Protein backbone atom coordinates (compact mmCIF):
# COMPACT_ATOMS: atom_id res chain seq x y z
CA MET A 1 55.00 160.29 -70.42
CA ASP A 2 56.37 157.52 -72.58
CA ALA A 3 59.20 155.21 -71.52
CA LEU A 4 61.87 156.75 -73.75
CA ASP A 5 61.07 160.22 -72.48
CA ALA A 6 61.48 159.03 -68.88
CA LEU A 7 64.74 157.25 -69.71
CA LEU A 8 66.23 160.14 -71.66
CA ASN A 9 65.10 163.02 -69.45
CA ARG A 10 65.08 161.80 -65.84
CA VAL A 11 67.22 163.96 -63.58
CA SER A 12 67.63 164.14 -59.84
CA ALA A 13 65.47 166.61 -57.94
CA PRO A 14 67.53 167.35 -54.81
CA ARG A 15 65.12 169.93 -53.33
CA LEU A 16 61.85 168.26 -52.35
CA ARG A 17 58.75 169.25 -50.41
CA GLU A 18 55.27 167.97 -49.61
CA PRO A 19 53.24 166.32 -50.84
CA ALA A 20 54.77 162.87 -50.83
CA PRO A 21 53.64 160.38 -53.46
CA ASP A 22 50.10 159.23 -52.72
CA ILE A 23 49.04 155.60 -52.35
CA ALA A 24 48.31 155.09 -56.06
CA GLN A 25 51.61 156.69 -57.07
CA ARG A 26 53.53 154.53 -54.58
CA GLU A 27 51.93 151.39 -55.92
CA LEU A 28 53.20 152.30 -59.39
CA LEU A 29 56.67 153.04 -58.01
CA PHE A 30 56.96 149.64 -56.38
CA ARG A 31 55.33 147.78 -59.28
CA ALA A 32 57.95 149.35 -61.56
CA ALA A 33 60.68 148.14 -59.19
CA LEU A 34 59.39 144.60 -59.45
CA ARG A 35 60.01 144.64 -63.22
CA ALA A 36 63.79 144.98 -62.80
CA PRO A 37 65.98 142.33 -64.45
CA ASP A 38 65.91 139.35 -62.13
CA HIS A 39 67.88 136.21 -63.01
CA ALA A 40 66.13 133.16 -61.50
CA GLN A 41 63.32 135.39 -60.18
CA LEU A 42 65.02 135.79 -56.81
CA ARG A 43 63.66 139.29 -56.26
CA PRO A 44 66.83 140.20 -54.35
CA TRP A 45 65.50 143.49 -53.06
CA ARG A 46 63.19 145.01 -50.54
CA PHE A 47 62.22 148.52 -49.57
CA LEU A 48 61.47 150.37 -46.34
CA THR A 49 59.34 153.50 -46.42
CA VAL A 50 60.19 156.22 -43.92
CA GLU A 51 57.87 159.19 -43.51
CA GLY A 52 56.34 161.49 -40.92
CA ALA A 53 57.93 161.22 -37.47
CA ALA A 54 59.86 158.12 -38.59
CA ARG A 55 62.11 160.47 -40.59
CA GLU A 56 63.12 162.13 -37.31
CA ARG A 57 63.86 158.70 -35.82
CA LEU A 58 66.04 157.89 -38.84
CA GLY A 59 67.87 161.18 -38.31
CA GLU A 60 68.48 160.18 -34.69
CA LEU A 61 69.82 156.83 -35.87
CA PHE A 62 72.22 158.69 -38.16
CA ALA A 63 73.36 160.97 -35.30
CA GLU A 64 73.76 158.04 -32.88
CA THR A 65 75.83 156.24 -35.49
CA LEU A 66 78.16 159.20 -35.92
CA LEU A 67 78.61 159.42 -32.14
CA ALA A 68 79.29 155.69 -31.84
CA ASP A 69 81.86 155.78 -34.64
CA SER A 70 83.79 158.82 -33.43
CA ALA A 71 84.20 160.54 -30.07
CA SER A 72 84.89 163.89 -31.72
CA VAL A 73 81.78 164.61 -33.76
CA SER A 74 80.85 168.27 -34.05
CA GLU A 75 77.40 169.49 -33.11
CA GLU A 76 77.12 170.77 -36.69
CA ALA A 77 77.67 167.25 -38.06
CA LEU A 78 75.06 165.83 -35.67
CA THR A 79 72.55 168.50 -36.68
CA LYS A 80 73.21 167.75 -40.35
CA ALA A 81 72.78 164.00 -39.79
CA ARG A 82 69.47 164.54 -37.97
CA ALA A 83 68.21 166.73 -40.81
CA MET A 84 69.13 164.39 -43.69
CA PRO A 85 65.87 162.39 -43.73
CA LEU A 86 63.85 165.59 -43.46
CA ARG A 87 64.91 166.67 -46.96
CA ALA A 88 61.89 164.89 -48.46
CA PRO A 89 58.45 163.86 -47.26
CA LEU A 90 59.16 160.21 -48.14
CA VAL A 91 62.43 158.29 -47.93
CA VAL A 92 62.58 154.81 -49.42
CA VAL A 93 65.47 152.67 -48.20
CA ALA A 94 66.48 150.43 -51.10
CA ILE A 95 67.92 147.16 -49.84
CA ALA A 96 69.69 144.35 -51.66
CA HIS A 97 68.70 140.99 -50.16
CA VAL A 98 71.41 138.63 -51.39
CA GLN A 99 70.58 134.93 -51.41
CA ALA A 100 72.84 131.94 -51.89
CA HIS A 101 72.21 130.64 -55.39
CA PHE A 102 74.22 128.28 -57.57
CA LYS A 103 73.64 130.33 -60.73
CA VAL A 104 73.22 133.92 -59.57
CA PRO A 105 76.26 135.46 -57.86
CA ALA A 106 75.88 138.07 -55.12
CA GLN A 107 77.15 140.87 -57.35
CA GLU A 108 74.43 140.18 -59.91
CA GLN A 109 71.78 140.30 -57.18
CA VAL A 110 73.05 143.65 -55.91
CA ILE A 111 72.99 145.01 -59.46
CA ALA A 112 69.41 143.76 -59.85
CA ALA A 113 68.44 145.57 -56.64
CA GLY A 114 70.05 148.70 -58.07
CA CYS A 115 67.96 148.28 -61.21
CA ALA A 116 64.84 148.02 -59.05
CA ALA A 117 65.78 151.24 -57.26
CA HIS A 118 66.41 152.94 -60.59
CA ALA A 119 63.00 151.80 -61.79
CA ILE A 120 61.47 153.63 -58.82
CA LEU A 121 63.26 156.82 -59.89
CA LEU A 122 62.06 156.40 -63.48
CA ALA A 123 58.49 155.74 -62.36
CA ALA A 124 58.64 158.81 -60.12
CA HIS A 125 59.81 160.97 -63.02
CA ALA A 126 57.12 159.53 -65.30
CA GLN A 127 54.49 160.56 -62.74
CA GLY A 128 55.85 164.09 -62.37
CA LEU A 129 57.32 163.42 -58.91
CA GLY A 130 60.66 164.66 -57.68
CA ALA A 131 63.22 162.06 -56.64
CA VAL A 132 66.89 161.72 -55.86
CA TRP A 133 69.06 158.73 -54.93
CA ARG A 134 71.45 159.42 -52.05
CA THR A 135 74.06 157.27 -50.36
CA GLY A 136 77.03 158.56 -48.37
CA GLU A 137 78.94 156.81 -45.60
CA LEU A 138 75.83 156.17 -43.49
CA ALA A 139 74.33 154.03 -46.25
CA TYR A 140 77.22 151.61 -45.82
CA ASN A 141 77.39 151.65 -42.03
CA ALA A 142 76.65 148.42 -40.14
CA ARG A 143 75.00 150.32 -37.24
CA VAL A 144 72.56 152.00 -39.61
CA ALA A 145 71.80 148.65 -41.25
CA ALA A 146 71.19 147.05 -37.85
CA GLY A 147 69.06 149.99 -36.72
CA LEU A 148 66.87 149.52 -39.78
CA GLY A 149 66.53 145.81 -39.07
CA LEU A 150 68.57 144.48 -41.99
CA SER A 151 69.74 140.88 -41.86
CA ALA A 152 73.33 139.75 -42.43
CA GLU A 153 72.42 138.98 -46.08
CA GLU A 154 71.20 142.50 -46.73
CA GLN A 155 72.81 145.81 -47.56
CA ILE A 156 71.53 149.31 -48.16
CA ILE A 157 72.10 150.36 -51.74
CA GLY A 158 70.57 153.80 -51.39
CA PHE A 159 68.12 156.19 -49.84
CA LEU A 160 65.55 157.32 -52.40
CA TYR A 161 64.14 160.72 -51.45
CA LEU A 162 60.71 161.35 -52.97
CA GLY A 163 58.30 164.27 -52.99
CA THR A 164 57.41 167.31 -55.03
CA ALA A 165 60.27 169.15 -56.70
CA GLU A 166 60.69 172.65 -55.29
CA ARG A 167 61.77 174.00 -58.66
CA GLU A 168 61.54 173.09 -62.30
CA LEU A 169 63.78 170.18 -63.21
CA ARG A 170 66.91 170.94 -65.17
CA ILE A 171 67.38 169.72 -68.71
CA PRO A 172 69.91 166.87 -68.78
CA ALA A 173 73.20 167.69 -70.50
CA GLN A 174 73.81 166.05 -73.83
CA VAL A 175 76.75 163.66 -73.73
CA ASP A 176 78.84 162.39 -76.63
CA LEU A 177 78.05 158.68 -76.94
CA ALA A 178 81.46 158.01 -78.47
CA ASP A 179 82.97 158.69 -75.04
CA PHE A 180 81.16 155.63 -73.68
CA VAL A 181 80.46 153.29 -76.60
CA SER A 182 83.01 151.53 -78.76
CA ALA A 183 83.19 148.43 -80.92
CA TRP A 184 85.17 145.36 -79.95
CA PRO A 185 87.60 144.53 -81.22
CA ALA A 186 88.73 148.04 -81.93
CA ALA A 187 89.18 148.79 -85.61
């Protein structure tokens, strides 16, 4: 698959199953991430891979976080939280690692980490893998961040779910570019 095809046709694959990306595929995913725009070559990102029984432990972390944040959590919500990481054989936690830098503000570093995560999704699509980027309130929760071992300078920017798409990917809708692109100053 060429680069333009991946850019123009990548869509999320929310229903994933085994197999997970193999070692060679993962290497390409992470090598693609390392090519993200990176002012001053700070590499303000890192990734955690969660698979096998570790997905169940992540689900427990999610459930424990819900319980710690609210005394009135339903059993249904706890069950859903425990099942979240089981929706794919591999979950990659994309993390922005913001560093003090005189030229590169924190916001730019977080955006760069987002670009690295997006590169993983594009590389997955180019290899015929299914992938979807998920966030939700747990992605922004300090207890989850601490449970995953993040430092004070780090933040989760997303959970990338990877595996084999359960069904054929949809065709992306065509969008009118004029809704998003305009000249400045306006004529």
